[in-house]
Protein backbone atom coordinates (compact mmCIF):
# COMPACT_ATOMS: atom_id res chain seq x y z
CA MET A 1 76.89 100.54 93.17
CA ALA A 2 73.20 99.96 93.82
CA THR A 3 71.98 96.84 95.57
CA ASP A 4 69.51 94.59 93.76
CA ALA A 5 66.73 95.89 96.02
CA GLN A 6 67.63 99.49 95.24
CA GLN A 7 67.72 98.75 91.51
CA ALA A 8 64.34 97.01 91.72
CA CYS A 9 62.87 100.07 93.48
CA PHE A 10 64.35 102.30 90.79
CA GLU A 11 62.77 100.12 88.09
CA ALA A 12 59.38 100.42 89.81
CA GLY A 13 59.73 104.21 89.90
CA ILE A 14 60.57 104.35 86.20
CA LYS A 15 57.50 102.29 85.38
CA PHE A 16 55.19 104.47 87.50
CA GLY A 17 56.60 107.61 85.90
CA SER A 18 56.02 106.14 82.48
CA LEU A 19 52.49 105.00 83.31
CA TYR A 20 51.44 108.27 84.87
CA HIS A 21 52.97 110.70 82.41
CA GLN A 22 52.22 108.68 79.29
CA PHE A 23 48.51 108.38 80.04
CA ALA A 24 47.65 111.50 82.08
CA GLY A 25 45.34 113.65 79.99
CA THR A 26 43.94 110.75 77.96
CA PRO A 27 40.21 111.23 77.35
CA VAL A 28 38.26 108.71 79.45
CA SER A 29 34.62 107.89 80.05
CA PRO A 30 32.97 104.98 81.84
CA SER A 31 32.45 103.31 78.46
CA SER A 32 36.17 103.50 77.58
CA ALA A 33 37.65 102.89 81.03
CA ARG A 34 38.08 99.09 80.71
CA SER A 35 39.94 99.29 77.41
CA LEU A 36 42.14 102.09 78.77
CA GLU A 37 42.94 100.01 81.88
CA THR A 38 44.03 97.13 79.64
CA ALA A 39 46.08 99.35 77.34
CA MET A 40 47.89 100.96 80.27
CA ALA A 41 48.68 97.66 81.98
CA GLU A 42 49.87 95.98 78.79
CA ALA A 43 52.03 98.94 77.78
CA ILE A 44 53.86 99.04 81.11
CA GLU A 45 54.18 95.24 81.30
CA ASN A 46 56.27 95.44 78.11
CA GLN A 47 59.05 97.14 80.07
CA PRO A 48 61.97 95.11 81.42
CA PHE A 49 61.57 93.54 84.87
CA CYS A 50 57.84 94.32 85.06
CA GLU A 51 55.97 91.21 86.11
CA SER A 52 52.42 92.53 86.40
CA VAL A 53 50.34 95.70 86.39
CA THR A 54 46.73 96.17 87.44
CA VAL A 55 44.96 99.44 86.65
CA GLU A 56 41.52 100.21 88.04
CA ILE A 57 39.79 103.31 86.73
CA HIS A 58 36.86 104.13 89.00
CA ASP A 59 33.71 104.83 87.00
CA ASP A 60 32.14 106.84 89.82
CA ARG A 61 35.16 109.15 89.98
CA VAL A 62 35.14 109.51 86.19
CA MET A 63 31.45 110.42 86.21
CA ASP A 64 32.04 112.99 88.95
CA ALA A 65 34.87 114.54 86.91
CA ILE A 66 32.85 114.92 83.69
CA ASP A 67 31.92 118.58 83.54
CA HIS A 68 30.73 119.07 79.96
CA GLU A 69 28.27 117.62 77.48
CA ASN A 70 30.81 115.49 75.57
CA GLY A 71 30.66 112.75 78.21
CA TYR A 72 34.34 112.33 78.98
CA THR A 73 37.07 113.79 81.14
CA GLU A 74 40.87 113.69 81.17
CA LEU A 75 42.55 110.86 83.05
CA THR A 76 44.30 111.91 86.24
CA GLY A 77 45.76 109.99 89.15
CA SER A 78 42.69 110.78 91.20
CA LEU A 79 40.56 108.58 88.92
CA MET A 80 42.53 105.35 89.25
CA ASP A 81 44.36 102.92 91.48
CA VAL A 82 47.35 100.97 90.21
CA GLU A 83 49.25 97.96 91.54
CA MET A 84 52.54 96.88 90.04
CA ARG A 85 55.01 94.07 90.62
CA VAL A 86 58.65 94.32 89.55
CA ARG A 87 61.16 91.49 89.80
CA TYR A 88 64.89 92.19 89.51
CA GLU A 89 67.69 89.71 90.23
CA GLY A 90 65.75 87.75 92.83
CA VAL A 91 64.13 90.78 94.47
CA ARG A 92 60.37 91.29 94.21
CA ILE A 93 58.88 94.76 94.62
CA ASP A 94 55.15 95.29 95.11
CA THR A 95 53.94 98.86 94.63
CA ARG A 96 50.70 100.77 94.37
CA MET A 97 49.29 104.15 93.53
CA ALA A 98 46.18 105.23 95.37
CA MET A 99 44.69 108.45 96.64
CA ALA A 100 46.04 109.64 99.98
CA ASP A 101 44.99 113.01 101.39
CA GLY A 102 43.83 114.19 97.96
CA TYR A 103 47.04 113.15 96.19
CA PRO A 104 47.77 110.09 93.98
CA LEU A 105 50.53 108.59 96.12
CA MET A 106 52.90 106.04 94.59
CA GLU A 107 54.46 103.84 97.22
CA LEU A 108 56.38 100.66 97.93
CA VAL A 109 54.18 98.04 99.54
CA ASP A 110 56.69 95.22 99.89
CA VAL A 111 60.35 94.56 99.06
CA ARG A 112 61.54 90.98 99.45
CA ASP A 113 64.29 88.65 98.38
CA GLU A 114 63.08 85.53 96.64
């Protein structure tokens, strides 16, 4: 049987998997980045136990990734940072995804009983 903290960590992992794999490959440009950030956050916040999600798509990284005349690129983990808070049975989990050594690393930031 999983502890509440373990279940909360599992829930955070499910939400990151959903966020990443649902939106990876979405066309993005600096002009569409804000609306995509909002759509991603609101979609994941619909899931059970998800308290908050913040998505930041970096315009400079998007611009650097655009390699054709159409003015957009495909969303990848390298273009964004994400913070997420999950609350399960009195346990709060803070997580983030950010670039680390060229890889979009998803990690636990804090696990605490409340």
